[in-house]
Protein backbone atom coordinates (compact mmCIF):
# COMPACT_ATOMS: atom_id res chain seq x y z
CA MET A 1 -0.59 95.63 -54.11
CA ASN A 2 -0.21 92.43 -54.29
CA GLY A 3 -3.41 89.31 -55.10
CA THR A 4 -5.05 88.20 -57.59
CA GLU A 5 -7.55 89.06 -59.90
CA THR A 6 -9.84 86.79 -62.58
CA LYS A 7 -10.91 87.79 -65.17
CA PHE A 8 -13.23 86.36 -68.54
CA LYS A 9 -12.76 87.51 -71.75
CA PHE A 10 -13.30 84.88 -74.94
CA PHE A 11 -11.29 84.97 -77.85
CA PHE A 12 -11.46 82.38 -80.95
CA ALA A 13 -8.51 80.41 -81.76
CA HIS A 14 -7.64 82.29 -84.33
CA GLU A 15 -6.88 86.00 -82.68
CA ASP A 16 -3.87 84.52 -81.04
CA GLU A 17 -3.05 88.48 -81.95
CA GLN A 18 -5.81 90.07 -80.14
CA GLN A 19 -5.35 87.76 -77.02
CA GLU A 20 -1.07 88.53 -77.17
CA ALA A 21 -2.27 92.82 -77.22
CA TRP A 22 -4.82 92.00 -74.34
CA LEU A 23 -2.59 90.74 -72.17
CA ARG A 24 0.30 93.28 -73.03
CA ALA A 25 -2.92 96.03 -71.92
CA MET A 26 -3.36 93.79 -68.46
CA ALA A 27 0.41 94.23 -67.63
CA ARG A 28 0.95 97.64 -68.53
CA GLN A 29 -2.36 97.96 -65.42
CA GLY A 30 -0.07 96.32 -63.32
CA LEU A 31 -1.92 92.68 -63.95
CA HIS A 32 0.38 89.68 -64.73
CA LEU A 33 -0.99 86.70 -66.51
CA GLU A 34 -0.72 83.95 -63.77
CA SER A 35 -3.27 80.65 -65.35
CA VAL A 36 -5.83 80.78 -67.90
CA HIS A 37 -8.97 78.03 -67.67
CA PRO A 38 -9.80 76.75 -70.89
CA LEU A 39 -13.66 78.21 -70.05
CA CYS A 40 -11.95 81.82 -70.67
CA PHE A 41 -11.06 83.02 -67.24
CA TRP A 42 -7.91 84.27 -67.01
CA SER A 43 -6.15 84.44 -63.54
CA PHE A 44 -3.71 87.73 -63.23
CA ARG A 45 -1.20 88.77 -60.15
CA ARG A 46 -1.28 92.28 -58.72
CA ALA A 47 1.83 93.60 -59.16
CA GLU A 48 4.01 97.23 -60.85
CA PRO A 49 3.31 98.20 -64.37
CA ALA A 50 5.33 96.84 -67.03
CA ASP A 51 5.38 96.76 -70.36
CA VAL A 52 5.42 92.71 -71.24
CA VAL A 53 5.04 91.17 -74.19
CA TYR A 54 3.42 87.78 -74.32
CA ARG A 55 3.51 85.58 -77.24
CA ILE A 56 1.07 82.39 -77.70
CA ASP A 57 2.71 78.96 -79.16
CA SER A 58 0.64 75.38 -79.71
CA PRO A 59 4.20 73.82 -79.35
CA ASP A 60 5.14 70.35 -80.68
CA ALA A 61 8.55 70.96 -79.42
CA GLY A 62 6.62 71.09 -75.45
CA ARG A 63 7.42 67.50 -75.70
CA ASP A 64 10.82 67.88 -76.08
CA PRO A 65 12.79 68.93 -72.62
CA GLY A 66 14.89 70.98 -74.11
CA PHE A 67 12.10 73.13 -75.83
CA GLN A 68 11.10 74.89 -72.66
CA GLN A 69 15.09 75.48 -71.64
CA LEU A 70 15.69 76.53 -75.12
CA MET A 71 12.86 79.43 -74.55
CA GLU A 72 14.14 80.79 -71.64
CA ASP A 73 17.57 81.45 -72.60
CA ALA A 74 16.05 83.43 -75.65
CA GLY A 75 15.03 85.41 -72.50
CA TRP A 76 10.84 84.32 -72.54
CA THR A 77 9.61 82.53 -69.67
CA LEU A 78 6.05 80.05 -69.82
CA ALA A 79 3.33 82.15 -67.80
CA ALA A 80 0.82 79.94 -68.40
CA ARG A 81 -0.75 76.30 -70.26
CA THR A 82 -4.04 75.71 -71.49
CA VAL A 83 -5.11 72.93 -73.96
CA GLY A 84 -1.69 72.33 -75.60
CA TRP A 85 -1.73 76.29 -75.57
CA HIS A 86 1.63 78.14 -74.08
CA TYR A 87 1.65 81.62 -73.15
CA TRP A 88 5.12 82.95 -72.81
CA ARG A 89 5.87 86.61 -71.69
CA THR A 90 9.55 88.83 -71.77
CA GLU A 91 10.30 92.26 -71.31
CA ALA A 92 9.33 94.49 -74.57
CA VAL A 93 13.18 96.16 -75.56
CA ARG A 94 12.49 99.69 -75.91
CA GLY A 95 8.96 99.43 -76.73
CA LYS A 96 9.27 96.59 -79.10
CA ALA A 97 7.60 94.04 -79.09
CA PRO A 98 10.01 90.71 -80.13
CA GLU A 99 8.29 87.70 -81.80
CA LEU A 100 8.58 83.43 -81.39
CA PHE A 101 9.00 83.00 -84.94
CA SER A 102 9.68 84.90 -87.67
CA ASP A 103 8.96 82.38 -90.43
CA ASN A 104 5.20 82.06 -92.08
CA ALA A 105 5.76 78.25 -91.77
CA SER A 106 6.38 77.87 -88.35
CA LYS A 107 3.31 80.41 -87.42
CA ALA A 108 1.42 78.38 -90.14
CA ARG A 109 1.89 74.93 -88.12
CA LYS A 110 0.97 76.64 -84.79
CA PHE A 111 -2.54 76.88 -86.90
CA LYS A 112 -2.07 73.90 -88.38
CA GLN A 113 -2.27 72.94 -84.32
CA ARG A 114 -4.86 75.12 -83.66
CA LEU A 115 -7.06 73.64 -86.28
CA GLY A 116 -6.71 69.96 -85.01
CA VAL A 117 -7.58 70.58 -81.16
CA LEU A 118 -10.69 72.26 -82.99
CA VAL A 119 -11.73 68.68 -85.07
CA ALA A 120 -10.87 67.11 -81.93
CA SER A 121 -13.16 68.56 -79.66
CA ALA A 122 -15.74 67.70 -82.52
CA VAL A 123 -15.11 64.14 -81.93
CA PRO A 124 -17.37 63.69 -78.99
CA LEU A 125 -20.29 65.53 -80.14
CA PHE A 126 -20.19 62.57 -82.63
CA VAL A 127 -19.79 59.88 -80.95
CA VAL A 128 -22.73 61.26 -78.37
CA LEU A 129 -25.22 62.26 -82.04
CA VAL A 130 -24.24 58.68 -83.44
CA VAL A 131 -22.92 55.64 -81.80
CA THR A 132 -25.24 56.12 -78.64
CA ASP A 133 -28.22 56.73 -81.21
CA ILE A 134 -29.73 59.52 -79.11
CA LEU A 135 -31.56 60.84 -82.02
CA SER A 136 -33.52 58.07 -82.42
CA ARG A 137 -35.10 58.67 -78.92
CA LEU A 138 -35.99 62.31 -78.85
CA HIS A 139 -39.48 61.60 -78.26
CA GLU A 140 -38.08 60.45 -74.17
CA LEU A 141 -36.66 63.93 -73.56
CA SER A 142 -37.98 67.37 -72.73
CA MET A 143 -38.92 70.41 -74.38
CA PRO A 144 -36.97 72.71 -72.33
CA PHE A 145 -34.23 70.48 -72.49
CA LEU A 146 -34.33 69.63 -76.09
CA LEU A 147 -34.59 73.11 -76.62
CA SER A 148 -31.25 73.90 -74.48
CA TYR A 149 -29.40 71.23 -75.91
CA GLY A 150 -30.62 72.01 -79.54
CA GLY A 151 -29.47 75.57 -79.63
CA GLY A 152 -26.37 74.94 -77.24
CA LEU A 153 -25.50 72.61 -80.43
CA VAL A 154 -25.90 74.53 -83.34
CA LEU A 155 -24.20 77.77 -81.67
CA TYR A 156 -21.35 75.27 -81.04
CA VAL A 157 -21.50 74.23 -84.67
CA LEU A 158 -21.16 77.82 -85.77
CA PHE A 159 -18.90 78.58 -83.18
CA LEU A 160 -16.79 75.96 -84.42
CA GLN A 161 -17.35 75.93 -88.14
CA TYR A 162 -16.62 79.58 -87.81
CA SER A 163 -13.48 79.13 -85.90
CA VAL A 164 -12.25 76.48 -88.39
CA ALA A 165 -13.34 78.51 -91.54
CA LYS A 166 -11.33 82.19 -90.08
CA LEU A 167 -7.87 79.36 -89.07
CA LEU A 168 -8.07 78.36 -92.68
CA GLN A 169 -8.20 81.48 -94.10
CA ARG A 170 -4.83 82.49 -91.10
CA ILE A 171 -3.07 79.56 -92.51
CA ARG A 172 -3.50 79.83 -96.52
CA ARG A 173 -2.10 83.75 -96.06
CA LEU A 174 0.64 82.73 -94.33
CA ASN A 175 1.24 79.80 -97.16
CA GLY A 176 1.10 82.20 -99.62
CA PRO A 177 -1.25 81.79 -102.98
CA LEU A 178 -2.02 78.09 -104.16
CA PRO A 179 0.38 76.91 -106.98
CA ALA A 180 -1.70 76.73 -110.27
């Protein structure tokens, strides 16, 4: 029963509920989260199956040394962290999943922080394209490199646009209709 297992599973930044449901299903199968790699590799510890609830937070409060103690006092354990996201876990209470945040403003703030991470991830691309003036030297690069680089770039830009749009949609839904 002991040991570890690694799985590859991709989620978009706005799919926190899907991540949490998947992690809970893994725990019910006896796979308990140990770590998350930013490239979508999840490491689990094999143990007895349990109904464990996971919640994802992007805390600016994480810089507060008392925040983790506050969470632990409330019955949560920090299971893993990656790229500023914290994965908390606790046992389900009579099959019910407790929430970390009950107000929409806190939930919207979490998605705004994720939006900031996504936008910041585009900065290196901007630097490479603009500052290094790579576009003027395209003729020096091989066609296979250009095709793979261009294809990867297109996929990244589409991924970024989709993720930003979905995060903005979640934020708007949580903040309610815009004032007239």
